[in-house]
Protein backbone atom coordinates (compact mmCIF):
# COMPACT_ATOMS: atom_id res chain seq x y z
CA MET A 1 -39.38 -21.60 -39.65
CA GLY A 2 -35.61 -22.67 -38.98
CA GLN A 3 -32.04 -22.24 -40.07
CA ILE A 4 -29.71 -24.99 -41.79
CA ALA A 5 -25.84 -23.87 -41.95
CA LEU A 6 -23.16 -25.17 -43.37
CA GLU A 7 -20.18 -23.45 -41.55
CA GLY A 8 -16.37 -23.49 -42.55
CA MET A 9 -16.48 -25.43 -46.17
CA GLU A 10 -13.15 -24.94 -47.58
CA PHE A 11 -12.45 -25.35 -51.06
CA PHE A 12 -9.13 -24.90 -53.52
CA ALA A 13 -10.23 -23.08 -56.30
CA PHE A 14 -9.24 -20.95 -59.59
CA HIS A 15 -10.94 -17.68 -58.73
CA GLY A 16 -9.62 -14.16 -59.00
CA TYR A 17 -9.76 -11.00 -60.87
CA TYR A 18 -6.02 -11.32 -62.33
CA ASP A 19 -5.37 -14.13 -64.67
CA GLU A 20 -2.56 -15.02 -62.45
CA GLU A 21 -4.94 -16.03 -59.64
CA GLN A 22 -6.93 -18.21 -61.91
CA LYS A 23 -3.90 -20.03 -62.83
CA ILE A 24 -2.37 -20.65 -59.64
CA GLY A 25 -5.48 -20.80 -57.13
CA ASN A 26 -6.15 -20.02 -53.66
CA LYS A 27 -7.86 -21.41 -50.58
CA TYR A 28 -11.66 -20.36 -50.38
CA GLY A 29 -14.25 -20.42 -47.55
CA VAL A 30 -17.79 -20.76 -47.53
CA ASP A 31 -20.58 -20.21 -45.10
CA LEU A 32 -24.20 -20.99 -45.99
CA TYR A 33 -27.45 -20.33 -44.21
CA ILE A 34 -30.69 -21.71 -45.57
CA ASP A 35 -33.84 -20.45 -43.90
CA THR A 36 -36.59 -23.03 -44.33
CA ASP A 37 -39.93 -24.70 -42.84
CA LEU A 38 -38.05 -27.44 -40.30
CA HIS A 39 -41.49 -28.63 -38.60
CA ALA A 40 -42.23 -31.63 -40.74
CA ALA A 41 -38.87 -32.95 -40.28
CA GLY A 42 -38.89 -32.27 -36.65
CA GLN A 43 -41.93 -34.30 -36.32
CA SER A 44 -41.19 -37.28 -38.73
CA ASP A 45 -37.31 -37.39 -38.52
CA GLN A 46 -37.33 -38.20 -42.19
CA LEU A 47 -34.71 -36.68 -44.26
CA ARG A 48 -37.04 -36.32 -47.50
CA GLU A 49 -38.98 -33.70 -44.93
CA THR A 50 -35.82 -31.20 -45.01
CA VAL A 51 -32.87 -29.93 -46.77
CA ASN A 52 -30.04 -32.61 -47.46
CA TYR A 53 -26.70 -31.14 -46.08
CA GLU A 54 -24.97 -33.38 -48.55
CA VAL A 55 -26.95 -32.08 -51.64
CA LEU A 56 -26.13 -28.62 -50.34
CA TYR A 57 -22.60 -29.19 -50.14
CA ARG A 58 -22.23 -30.73 -53.62
CA VAL A 59 -23.99 -27.53 -54.97
CA VAL A 60 -21.70 -25.49 -53.28
CA ALA A 61 -18.62 -27.47 -54.53
CA GLU A 62 -19.71 -27.71 -57.67
CA GLU A 63 -19.93 -23.48 -58.07
CA MET A 64 -16.66 -23.51 -56.57
CA GLN A 65 -14.89 -25.32 -59.33
CA ALA A 66 -16.14 -23.10 -61.91
CA PRO A 67 -13.80 -20.16 -61.92
CA ALA A 68 -15.12 -16.56 -61.44
CA ARG A 69 -13.38 -13.18 -61.35
CA LEU A 70 -15.16 -11.75 -58.32
CA LEU A 71 -16.48 -13.33 -54.98
CA GLU A 72 -19.64 -11.22 -55.59
CA HIS A 73 -20.40 -13.44 -58.78
CA LEU A 74 -19.56 -16.26 -57.23
CA GLY A 75 -21.91 -15.96 -54.31
CA HIS A 76 -24.86 -15.11 -56.66
CA ARG A 77 -24.08 -18.12 -58.61
CA VAL A 78 -24.39 -19.89 -55.22
CA LEU A 79 -27.64 -18.25 -54.32
CA ASP A 80 -29.24 -18.85 -57.59
CA ARG A 81 -28.23 -22.71 -57.57
CA VAL A 82 -29.74 -23.10 -53.99
CA LEU A 83 -32.79 -21.68 -54.78
CA GLU A 84 -33.42 -23.50 -57.95
CA GLU A 85 -32.49 -27.04 -56.21
CA PHE A 86 -34.71 -26.28 -53.38
CA PRO A 87 -37.83 -24.36 -54.29
CA TYR A 88 -39.17 -24.88 -50.76
CA VAL A 89 -36.30 -22.98 -49.28
CA ASN A 90 -37.58 -19.12 -48.28
CA GLY A 91 -34.40 -17.65 -47.85
CA VAL A 92 -30.13 -18.32 -48.32
CA ARG A 93 -27.21 -16.24 -47.33
CA VAL A 94 -24.04 -17.11 -48.42
CA SER A 95 -20.35 -15.81 -47.31
CA VAL A 96 -17.67 -16.48 -49.66
CA SER A 97 -14.09 -15.46 -48.24
CA LYS A 98 -10.89 -15.91 -49.93
CA PHE A 99 -7.68 -16.63 -47.69
CA ASN A 100 -4.75 -14.30 -48.07
CA PRO A 101 -6.11 -12.14 -51.14
CA PRO A 102 -3.31 -10.29 -52.97
CA LEU A 103 -3.54 -6.73 -51.75
CA GLY A 104 0.11 -5.89 -50.91
CA GLY A 105 0.06 -6.36 -47.29
CA ILE A 106 -1.48 -8.76 -44.65
CA CYS A 107 -5.08 -9.59 -44.75
CA HIS A 108 -6.45 -12.76 -43.65
CA ARG A 109 -9.06 -13.10 -45.72
CA ALA A 110 -11.34 -11.12 -48.21
CA ARG A 111 -15.25 -11.71 -47.91
CA VAL A 112 -18.27 -10.94 -49.70
CA THR A 113 -21.96 -12.01 -47.91
CA LEU A 114 -24.99 -11.81 -49.98
CA GLU A 115 -28.56 -12.67 -49.05
CA ARG A 116 -31.74 -13.57 -51.05
CA ARG A 117 -35.38 -14.26 -50.08
CA ARG A 118 -38.41 -15.11 -51.95
């Protein structure tokens, strides 16, 4: 087993509980961790034997473009898509952060972390 991580992805998107948040948009961060067997790729040095990072990024970017009210919902969508696109992945963990959430005070980011295993 092994882990592939895409950390520090940033997107400008239109998520939020309040209608105004969905109109003005905000900056979001995503960290994605994939648990999978990396043995074959380690032996062969062939991309077809592993999870393509570029495809992983595209999946996250596509989900970030579809508005959601809650970070929890957005995170679940990312988990669903990764498991759907990569049937040989054993587990996925995603953290989704909203920078400077509208809380009426100073808060650098609000974050949810979700994990799912097969």
